[in-house]
Amino acid sequence: MDVWVRGYLLQPISSHDAFLLSLIVIAVGLVVIVVLVLVGAVALRIVRGGTRRHSANAEEARLMQEIYLGLEKLNDRVDSLETLMLDERKETTSV
């Protein structure tokens, strides 16, 4: 008895062909799973990397602020020294 589906004759397959077909289906399934795991790992790395980068940016900003404050103090000291030197110079020239 022939079985026709939408104009195609369905023929029985051998057990060898059925085994190969099942191996192909399993292999394709494994490839899909591996791809999904890799995509998930990359997405997770991007998300965690962004968090690390954010904390690194915060650390860099804190260091830059410390440097800026240190330079402001240094500038104040230089201004004070300039004032002292100019005052000394005025005293020595006026005496």
PDB file of N, CA and C in Angstrom:
ATOM      1  N   MET A   1       0.833  -1.164   0.000  1.00  0.00           N
ATOM      2  CA  MET A   1       0.000   0.000   0.000  1.00  0.00           C
ATOM      3  C   MET A   1       0.889   1.242   0.000  1.00  0.00           C
ATOM      4  N   ASP A   2       0.720   2.082  -0.985  1.00  0.00           N
ATOM      5  CA  ASP A   2       1.486   3.313  -1.124  1.00  0.00           C
ATOM      6  C   ASP A   2       0.802   4.436  -0.345  1.00  0.00           C
ATOM      7  N   VAL A   3       1.630   5.276   0.269  1.00  0.00           N
ATOM      8  CA  VAL A   3       1.107   6.430   1.011  1.00  0.00           C
ATOM      9  C   VAL A   3       1.554   7.686   0.278  1.00  0.00           C
ATOM     10  N   TRP A   4       0.565   8.500  -0.105  1.00  0.00           N
ATOM     11  CA  TRP A   4       0.842   9.741  -0.823  1.00  0.00           C
ATOM     12  C   TRP A   4       0.498  10.930   0.085  1.00  0.00           C
ATOM     13  N   VAL A   5       1.400  11.890   0.160  1.00  0.00           N
ATOM     14  CA  VAL A   5       1.153  13.112   0.934  1.00  0.00           C
ATOM     15  C   VAL A   5       1.477  14.288   0.039  1.00  0.00           C
ATOM     16  N   ARG A   6       0.437  15.085  -0.264  1.00  0.00           N
ATOM     17  CA  ARG A   6       0.576  16.279  -1.115  1.00  0.00           C
ATOM     18  C   ARG A   6       1.295  15.963  -2.423  1.00  0.00           C
ATOM     19  N   GLY A   7       1.004  14.888  -2.971  1.00  0.00           N
ATOM     20  CA  GLY A   7       1.564  14.528  -4.265  1.00  0.00           C
ATOM     21  C   GLY A   7       2.893  13.804  -4.200  1.00  0.00           C
ATOM     22  N   TYR A   8       3.382  13.513  -3.015  1.00  0.00           N
ATOM     23  CA  TYR A   8       4.654  12.814  -2.874  1.00  0.00           C
ATOM     24  C   TYR A   8       4.408  11.425  -2.303  1.00  0.00           C
ATOM     25  N   LEU A   9       5.118  10.485  -2.850  1.00  0.00           N
ATOM     26  CA  LEU A   9       5.016   9.105  -2.380  1.00  0.00           C
ATOM     27  C   LEU A   9       5.975   8.912  -1.217  1.00  0.00           C
ATOM     28  N   LEU A  10       5.438   8.566  -0.061  1.00  0.00           N
ATOM     29  CA  LEU A  10       6.277   8.300   1.102  1.00  0.00           C
ATOM     30  C   LEU A  10       6.766   6.871   1.040  1.00  0.00           C
ATOM     31  N   GLN A  11       8.069   6.716   1.203  1.00  0.00           N
ATOM     32  CA  GLN A  11       8.654   5.390   1.161  1.00  0.00           C
ATOM     33  C   GLN A  11       9.289   5.090   2.512  1.00  0.00           C
ATOM     34  N   PRO A  12       9.254   3.854   2.928  1.00  0.00           N
ATOM     35  CA  PRO A  12       9.869   3.513   4.213  1.00  0.00           C
ATOM     36  C   PRO A  12      11.387   3.675   4.134  1.00  0.00           C
ATOM     37  N   ILE A  13      11.991   4.011   5.274  1.00  0.00           N
ATOM     38  CA  ILE A  13      13.448   4.148   5.300  1.00  0.00           C
ATOM     39  C   ILE A  13      14.031   2.980   6.088  1.00  0.00           C
ATOM     40  N   SER A  14      15.283   2.690   5.798  1.00  0.00           N
ATOM     41  CA  SER A  14      15.941   1.573   6.484  1.00  0.00           C
ATOM     42  C   SER A  14      16.330   2.003   7.901  1.00  0.00           C
ATOM     43  N   SER A  15      16.638   1.027   8.711  1.00  0.00           N
ATOM     44  CA  SER A  15      17.040   1.335  10.085  1.00  0.00           C
ATOM     45  C   SER A  15      18.366   2.101  10.100  1.00  0.00           C
ATOM     46  N   HIS A  16      19.231   1.828   9.132  1.00  0.00           N
ATOM     47  CA  HIS A  16      20.500   2.548   9.011  1.00  0.00           C
ATOM     48  C   HIS A  16      20.238   4.016   8.726  1.00  0.00           C
ATOM     49  N   ASP A  17      19.329   4.298   7.791  1.00  0.00           N
ATOM     50  CA  ASP A  17      18.986   5.682   7.466  1.00  0.00           C
ATOM     51  C   ASP A  17      18.308   6.374   8.652  1.00  0.00           C
ATOM     52  N   ALA A  18      17.484   5.648   9.370  1.00  0.00           N
ATOM     53  CA  ALA A  18      16.824   6.218  10.543  1.00  0.00           C
ATOM     54  C   ALA A  18      17.851   6.576  11.615  1.00  0.00           C
ATOM     55  N   PHE A  19      18.850   5.728  11.786  1.00  0.00           N
ATOM     56  CA  PHE A  19      19.912   5.997  12.750  1.00  0.00           C
ATOM     57  C   PHE A  19      20.692   7.248  12.356  1.00  0.00           C
ATOM     58  N   LEU A  20      21.050   7.344  11.066  1.00  0.00           N
ATOM     59  CA  LEU A  20      21.780   8.519  10.589  1.00  0.00           C
ATOM     60  C   LEU A  20      20.947   9.789  10.751  1.00  0.00           C
ATOM     61  N   LEU A  21      19.666   9.694  10.469  1.00  0.00           N
ATOM     62  CA  LEU A  21      18.783  10.841  10.610  1.00  0.00           C
ATOM     63  C   LEU A  21      18.700  11.285  12.074  1.00  0.00           C
ATOM     64  N   SER A  22      18.619  10.332  12.979  1.00  0.00           N
ATOM     65  CA  SER A  22      18.567  10.694  14.401  1.00  0.00           C
ATOM     66  C   SER A  22      19.884  11.321  14.858  1.00  0.00           C
ATOM     67  N   LEU A  23      21.022  10.831  14.338  1.00  0.00           N
ATOM     68  CA  LEU A  23      22.311  11.443  14.664  1.00  0.00           C
ATOM     69  C   LEU A  23      22.384  12.877  14.157  1.00  0.00           C
ATOM     70  N   ILE A  24      21.858  13.096  12.959  1.00  0.00           N
ATOM     71  CA  ILE A  24      21.860  14.446  12.391  1.00  0.00           C
ATOM     72  C   ILE A  24      21.001  15.377  13.243  1.00  0.00           C
ATOM     73  N   VAL A  25      19.839  14.918  13.652  1.00  0.00           N
ATOM     74  CA  VAL A  25      18.953  15.738  14.486  1.00  0.00           C
ATOM     75  C   VAL A  25      19.617  16.061  15.818  1.00  0.00           C
ATOM     76  N   ILE A  26      20.266  15.072  16.426  1.00  0.00           N
ATOM     77  CA  ILE A  26      20.962  15.297  17.700  1.00  0.00           C
ATOM     78  C   ILE A  26      22.116  16.281  17.519  1.00  0.00           C
ATOM     79  N   ALA A  27      22.886  16.120  16.437  1.00  0.00           N
ATOM     80  CA  ALA A  27      24.017  17.016  16.180  1.00  0.00           C
ATOM     81  C   ALA A  27      23.542  18.449  15.981  1.00  0.00           C
ATOM     82  N   VAL A  28      22.475  18.630  15.219  1.00  0.00           N
ATOM     83  CA  VAL A  28      21.941  19.977  14.995  1.00  0.00           C
ATOM     84  C   VAL A  28      21.448  20.563  16.319  1.00  0.00           C
ATOM     85  N   GLY A  29      20.795  19.745  17.123  1.00  0.00           N
ATOM     86  CA  GLY A  29      20.337  20.208  18.433  1.00  0.00           C
ATOM     87  C   GLY A  29      21.485  20.645  19.327  1.00  0.00           C
ATOM     88  N   LEU A  30      22.569  19.862  19.329  1.00  0.00           N
ATOM     89  CA  LEU A  30      23.738  20.221  20.126  1.00  0.00           C
ATOM     90  C   LEU A  30      24.379  21.513  19.638  1.00  0.00           C
ATOM     91  N   VAL A  31      24.449  21.676  18.321  1.00  0.00           N
ATOM     92  CA  VAL A  31      25.012  22.910  17.764  1.00  0.00           C
ATOM     93  C   VAL A  31      24.174  24.110  18.193  1.00  0.00           C
ATOM     94  N   VAL A  32      22.855  23.965  18.146  1.00  0.00           N
ATOM     95  CA  VAL A  32      21.971  25.058  18.567  1.00  0.00           C
ATOM     96  C   VAL A  32      22.191  25.376  20.043  1.00  0.00           C
ATOM     97  N   ILE A  33      22.303  24.349  20.877  1.00  0.00           N
ATOM     98  CA  ILE A  33      22.528  24.561  22.310  1.00  0.00           C
ATOM     99  C   ILE A  33      23.863  25.258  22.549  1.00  0.00           C
ATOM    100  N   VAL A  34      24.914  24.816  21.862  1.00  0.00           N
ATOM    101  CA  VAL A  34      26.237  25.430  22.023  1.00  0.00           C
ATOM    102  C   VAL A  34      26.198  26.897  21.606  1.00  0.00           C
ATOM    103  N   VAL A  35      25.543  27.183  20.497  1.00  0.00           N
ATOM    104  CA  VAL A  35      25.446  28.576  20.038  1.00  0.00           C
ATOM    105  C   VAL A  35      24.698  29.419  21.067  1.00  0.00           C
ATOM    106  N   LEU A  36      23.605  28.909  21.611  1.00  0.00           N
ATOM    107  CA  LEU A  36      22.850  29.656  22.620  1.00  0.00           C
ATOM    108  C   LEU A  36      23.682  29.896  23.878  1.00  0.00           C
ATOM    109  N   VAL A  37      24.438  28.890  24.301  1.00  0.00           N
ATOM    110  CA  VAL A  37      25.292  29.050  25.479  1.00  0.00           C
ATOM    111  C   VAL A  37      26.372  30.095  25.215  1.00  0.00           C
ATOM    112  N   LEU A  38      26.978  30.058  24.037  1.00  0.00           N
ATOM    113  CA  LEU A  38      28.008  31.044  23.704  1.00  0.00           C
ATOM    114  C   LEU A  38      27.441  32.455  23.655  1.00  0.00           C
ATOM    115  N   VAL A  39      26.268  32.606  23.062  1.00  0.00           N
ATOM    116  CA  VAL A  39      25.633  33.927  23.011  1.00  0.00           C
ATOM    117  C   VAL A  39      25.330  34.412  24.426  1.00  0.00           C
ATOM    118  N   GLY A  40      24.838  33.519  25.273  1.00  0.00           N
ATOM    119  CA  GLY A  40      24.576  33.887  26.667  1.00  0.00           C
ATOM    120  C   GLY A  40      25.848  34.271  27.405  1.00  0.00           C
ATOM    121  N   ALA A  41      26.927  33.530  27.166  1.00  0.00           N
ATOM    122  CA  ALA A  41      28.198  33.835  27.825  1.00  0.00           C
ATOM    123  C   ALA A  41      28.733  35.189  27.378  1.00  0.00           C
ATOM    124  N   VAL A  42      28.634  35.470  26.088  1.00  0.00           N
ATOM    125  CA  VAL A  42      29.089  36.765  25.575  1.00  0.00           C
ATOM    126  C   VAL A  42      28.240  37.888  26.161  1.00  0.00           C
ATOM    127  N   ALA A  43      26.930  37.693  26.208  1.00  0.00           N
ATOM    128  CA  ALA A  43      26.045  38.715  26.777  1.00  0.00           C
ATOM    129  C   ALA A  43      26.367  38.945  28.250  1.00  0.00           C
ATOM    130  N   LEU A  44      26.607  37.878  28.986  1.00  0.00           N
ATOM    131  CA  LEU A  44      26.945  37.999  30.397  1.00  0.00           C
ATOM    132  C   LEU A  44      28.276  38.720  30.577  1.00  0.00           C
ATOM    133  N   ARG A  45      29.228  38.407  29.727  1.00  0.00           N
ATOM    134  CA  ARG A  45      30.529  39.071  29.811  1.00  0.00           C
ATOM    135  C   ARG A  45      30.411  40.557  29.509  1.00  0.00           C
ATOM    136  N   ILE A  46      29.569  40.897  28.540  1.00  0.00           N
ATOM    137  CA  ILE A  46      29.366  42.309  28.212  1.00  0.00           C
ATOM    138  C   ILE A  46      28.734  43.030  29.393  1.00  0.00           C
ATOM    139  N   VAL A  47      27.729  42.413  29.991  1.00  0.00           N
ATOM    140  CA  VAL A  47      27.049  43.045  31.127  1.00  0.00           C
ATOM    141  C   VAL A  47      28.006  43.185  32.306  1.00  0.00           C
ATOM    142  N   ARG A  48      28.719  42.141  32.647  1.00  0.00           N
ATOM    143  CA  ARG A  48      29.662  42.215  33.766  1.00  0.00           C
ATOM    144  C   ARG A  48      30.844  43.104  33.428  1.00  0.00           C
ATOM    145  N   GLY A  49      31.288  43.067  32.192  1.00  0.00           N
ATOM    146  CA  GLY A  49      32.386  43.935  31.780  1.00  0.00           C
ATOM    147  C   GLY A  49      32.001  45.391  31.896  1.00  0.00           C
ATOM    148  N   GLY A  50      30.765  45.703  31.576  1.00  0.00           N
ATOM    149  CA  GLY A  50      30.279  47.066  31.712  1.00  0.00           C
ATOM    150  C   GLY A  50      30.285  47.507  33.155  1.00  0.00           C
ATOM    151  N   THR A  51      29.940  46.620  34.061  1.00  0.00           N
ATOM    152  CA  THR A  51      29.948  46.950  35.479  1.00  0.00           C
ATOM    153  C   THR A  51      31.375  47.184  35.953  1.00  0.00           C
ATOM    154  N   ARG A  52      32.282  46.323  35.522  1.00  0.00           N
ATOM    155  CA  ARG A  52      33.674  46.508  35.902  1.00  0.00           C
ATOM    156  C   ARG A  52      34.210  47.807  35.331  1.00  0.00           C
ATOM    157  N   ARG A  53      33.850  48.082  34.121  1.00  0.00           N
ATOM    158  CA  ARG A  53      34.333  49.304  33.486  1.00  0.00           C
ATOM    159  C   ARG A  53      33.775  50.524  34.214  1.00  0.00           C
ATOM    160  N   HIS A  54      32.521  50.408  34.667  1.00  0.00           N
ATOM    161  CA  HIS A  54      31.929  51.517  35.407  1.00  0.00           C
ATOM    162  C   HIS A  54      32.692  51.752  36.705  1.00  0.00           C
ATOM    163  N   SER A  55      33.042  50.688  37.403  1.00  0.00           N
ATOM    164  CA  SER A  55      33.794  50.851  38.646  1.00  0.00           C
ATOM    165  C   SER A  55      35.200  51.373  38.359  1.00  0.00           C
ATOM    166  N   ALA A  56      35.783  50.957  37.245  1.00  0.00           N
ATOM    167  CA  ALA A  56      37.097  51.477  36.864  1.00  0.00           C
ATOM    168  C   ALA A  56      36.993  52.961  36.554  1.00  0.00           C
ATOM    169  N   ASN A  57      35.921  53.377  35.881  1.00  0.00           N
ATOM    170  CA  ASN A  57      35.721  54.793  35.599  1.00  0.00           C
ATOM    171  C   ASN A  57      35.548  55.579  36.889  1.00  0.00           C
ATOM    172  N   ALA A  58      34.832  55.026  37.846  1.00  0.00           N
ATOM    173  CA  ALA A  58      34.646  55.700  39.130  1.00  0.00           C
ATOM    174  C   ALA A  58      35.986  55.848  39.845  1.00  0.00           C
ATOM    175  N   GLU A  59      36.802  54.812  39.793  1.00  0.00           N
ATOM    176  CA  GLU A  59      38.128  54.870  40.415  1.00  0.00           C
ATOM    177  C   GLU A  59      39.001  55.912  39.726  1.00  0.00           C
ATOM    178  N   GLU A  60      38.960  55.948  38.394  1.00  0.00           N
ATOM    179  CA  GLU A  60      39.731  56.944  37.653  1.00  0.00           C
ATOM    180  C   GLU A  60      39.265  58.350  37.992  1.00  0.00           C
ATOM    181  N   ALA A  61      37.967  58.552  38.106  1.00  0.00           N
ATOM    182  CA  ALA A  61      37.435  59.874  38.449  1.00  0.00           C
ATOM    183  C   ALA A  61      37.886  60.286  39.844  1.00  0.00           C
ATOM    184  N   ARG A  62      37.880  59.341  40.787  1.00  0.00           N
ATOM    185  CA  ARG A  62      38.327  59.649  42.140  1.00  0.00           C
ATOM    186  C   ARG A  62      39.805  60.036  42.146  1.00  0.00           C
ATOM    187  N   LEU A  63      40.628  59.292  41.396  1.00  0.00           N
ATOM    188  CA  LEU A  63      42.056  59.611  41.330  1.00  0.00           C
ATOM    189  C   LEU A  63      42.291  60.970  40.685  1.00  0.00           C
ATOM    190  N   MET A  64      41.541  61.258  39.628  1.00  0.00           N
ATOM    191  CA  MET A  64      41.695  62.560  38.975  1.00  0.00           C
ATOM    192  C   MET A  64      41.295  63.692  39.919  1.00  0.00           C
ATOM    193  N   GLN A  65      40.259  63.473  40.711  1.00  0.00           N
ATOM    194  CA  GLN A  65      39.839  64.489  41.671  1.00  0.00           C
ATOM    195  C   GLN A  65      40.917  64.700  42.731  1.00  0.00           C
ATOM    196  N   GLU A  66      41.528  63.611  43.202  1.00  0.00           N
ATOM    197  CA  GLU A  66      42.619  63.737  44.170  1.00  0.00           C
ATOM    198  C   GLU A  66      43.789  64.510  43.573  1.00  0.00           C
ATOM    199  N   ILE A  67      44.127  64.201  42.324  1.00  0.00           N
ATOM    200  CA  ILE A  67      45.224  64.912  41.659  1.00  0.00           C
ATOM    201  C   ILE A  67      44.886  66.390  41.526  1.00  0.00           C
ATOM    202  N   TYR A  68      43.658  66.689  41.139  1.00  0.00           N
ATOM    203  CA  TYR A  68      43.228  68.077  40.979  1.00  0.00           C
ATOM    204  C   TYR A  68      43.321  68.829  42.307  1.00  0.00           C
ATOM    205  N   LEU A  69      42.832  68.201  43.386  1.00  0.00           N
ATOM    206  CA  LEU A  69      42.895  68.856  44.693  1.00  0.00           C
ATOM    207  C   LEU A  69      44.345  69.055  45.132  1.00  0.00           C
ATOM    208  N   GLY A  70      45.193  68.070  44.858  1.00  0.00           N
ATOM    209  CA  GLY A  70      46.609  68.203  45.184  1.00  0.00           C
ATOM    210  C   GLY A  70      47.262  69.328  44.400  1.00  0.00           C
ATOM    211  N   LEU A  71      46.899  69.462  43.124  1.00  0.00           N
ATOM    212  CA  LEU A  71      47.453  70.546  42.316  1.00  0.00           C
ATOM    213  C   LEU A  71      46.949  71.907  42.790  1.00  0.00           C
ATOM    214  N   GLU A  72      45.706  71.971  43.247  1.00  0.00           N
ATOM    215  CA  GLU A  72      45.196  73.231  43.798  1.00  0.00           C
ATOM    216  C   GLU A  72      45.990  73.634  45.041  1.00  0.00           C
ATOM    217  N   LYS A  73      46.262  72.658  45.921  1.00  0.00           N
ATOM    218  CA  LYS A  73      47.061  72.945  47.115  1.00  0.00           C
ATOM    219  C   LYS A  73      48.463  73.402  46.723  1.00  0.00           C
ATOM    220  N   LEU A  74      49.042  72.731  45.741  1.00  0.00           N
ATOM    221  CA  LEU A  74      50.371  73.102  45.273  1.00  0.00           C
ATOM    222  C   LEU A  74      50.365  74.515  44.708  1.00  0.00           C
ATOM    223  N   ASN A  75      49.325  74.859  43.967  1.00  0.00           N
ATOM    224  CA  ASN A  75      49.205  76.204  43.406  1.00  0.00           C
ATOM    225  C   ASN A  75      49.107  77.243  44.526  1.00  0.00           C
ATOM    226  N   ASP A  76      48.349  76.939  45.572  1.00  0.00           N
ATOM    227  CA  ASP A  76      48.248  77.854  46.713  1.00  0.00           C
ATOM    228  C   ASP A  76      49.608  78.038  47.379  1.00  0.00           C
ATOM    229  N   ARG A  77      50.369  76.968  47.521  1.00  0.00           N
ATOM    230  CA  ARG A  77      51.697  77.057  48.130  1.00  0.00           C
ATOM    231  C   ARG A  77      52.635  77.901  47.276  1.00  0.00           C
ATOM    232  N   VAL A  78      52.575  77.682  45.962  1.00  0.00           N
ATOM    233  CA  VAL A  78      53.427  78.468  45.064  1.00  0.00           C
ATOM    234  C   VAL A  78      53.055  79.940  45.158  1.00  0.00           C
ATOM    235  N   ASP A  79      51.755  80.236  45.205  1.00  0.00           N
ATOM    236  CA  ASP A  79      51.320  81.633  45.349  1.00  0.00           C
ATOM    237  C   ASP A  79      51.844  82.233  46.653  1.00  0.00           C
ATOM    238  N   SER A  80      51.780  81.458  47.736  1.00  0.00           N
ATOM    239  CA  SER A  80      52.281  81.939  49.028  1.00  0.00           C
ATOM    240  C   SER A  80      53.779  82.198  48.964  1.00  0.00           C
ATOM    241  N   LEU A  81      54.519  81.272  48.347  1.00  0.00           N
ATOM    242  CA  LEU A  81      55.968  81.462  48.214  1.00  0.00           C
ATOM    243  C   LEU A  81      56.294  82.682  47.366  1.00  0.00           C
ATOM    244  N   GLU A  82      55.544  82.886  46.294  1.00  0.00           N
ATOM    245  CA  GLU A  82      55.764  84.070  45.457  1.00  0.00           C
ATOM    246  C   GLU A  82      55.525  85.343  46.262  1.00  0.00           C
ATOM    247  N   THR A  83      54.461  85.322  47.060  1.00  0.00           N
ATOM    248  CA  THR A  83      54.158  86.492  47.885  1.00  0.00           C
ATOM    249  C   THR A  83      55.282  86.742  48.884  1.00  0.00           C
ATOM    250  N   LEU A  84      55.760  85.684  49.541  1.00  0.00           N
ATOM    251  CA  LEU A  84      56.855  85.836  50.498  1.00  0.00           C
ATOM    252  C   LEU A  84      58.115  86.359  49.823  1.00  0.00           C
ATOM    253  N   MET A  85      58.427  85.828  48.649  1.00  0.00           N
ATOM    254  CA  MET A  85      59.634  86.264  47.941  1.00  0.00           C
ATOM    255  C   MET A  85      59.512  87.716  47.505  1.00  0.00           C
ATOM    256  N   LEU A  86      58.342  88.106  47.027  1.00  0.00           N
ATOM    257  CA  LEU A  86      58.155  89.497  46.614  1.00  0.00           C
ATOM    258  C   LEU A  86      58.230  90.439  47.813  1.00  0.00           C
ATOM    259  N   ASP A  87      57.665  90.013  48.953  1.00  0.00           N
ATOM    260  CA  ASP A  87      57.740  90.834  50.165  1.00  0.00           C
ATOM    261  C   ASP A  87      59.181  90.981  50.628  1.00  0.00           C
ATOM    262  N   GLU A  88      59.950  89.891  50.585  1.00  0.00           N
ATOM    263  CA  GLU A  88      61.358  89.943  50.964  1.00  0.00           C
ATOM    264  C   GLU A  88      62.129  90.862  50.037  1.00  0.00           C
ATOM    265  N   ARG A  89      61.849  90.783  48.769  1.00  0.00           N
ATOM    266  CA  ARG A  89      62.542  91.602  47.776  1.00  0.00           C
ATOM    267  C   ARG A  89      62.244  93.082  48.024  1.00  0.00           C
ATOM    268  N   LYS A  90      60.991  93.385  48.355  1.00  0.00           N
ATOM    269  CA  LYS A  90      60.618  94.777  48.627  1.00  0.00           C
ATOM    270  C   LYS A  90      61.336  95.283  49.875  1.00  0.00           C
ATOM    271  N   GLU A  91      61.439  94.418  50.893  1.00  0.00           N
ATOM    272  CA  GLU A  91      62.099  94.819  52.135  1.00  0.00           C
ATOM    273  C   GLU A  91      63.583  95.071  51.909  1.00  0.00           C
ATOM    274  N   THR A  92      64.229  94.213  51.119  1.00  0.00           N
ATOM    275  CA  THR A  92      65.671  94.376  50.890  1.00  0.00           C
ATOM    276  C   THR A  92      65.960  95.582  50.018  1.00  0.00           C
ATOM    277  N   THR A  93      65.087  95.904  49.094  1.00  0.00           N
ATOM    278  CA  THR A  93      65.322  97.056  48.225  1.00  0.00           C
ATOM    279  C   THR A  93      64.979  98.361  48.931  1.00  0.00           C
ATOM    280  N   SER A  94      64.069  98.320  49.876  1.00  0.00           N
ATOM    281  CA  SER A  94      63.675  99.549  50.561  1.00  0.00           C
ATOM    282  C   SER A  94      64.612  99.878  51.720  1.00  0.00           C
ATOM    283  N   VAL A  95      65.377  98.919  52.204  1.00  0.00           N
ATOM    284  CA  VAL A  95      66.261  99.148  53.351  1.00  0.00           C
ATOM    285  C   VAL A  95      67.553  99.719  52.945  1.00  0.00           C
TER     286      VAL A  95
END
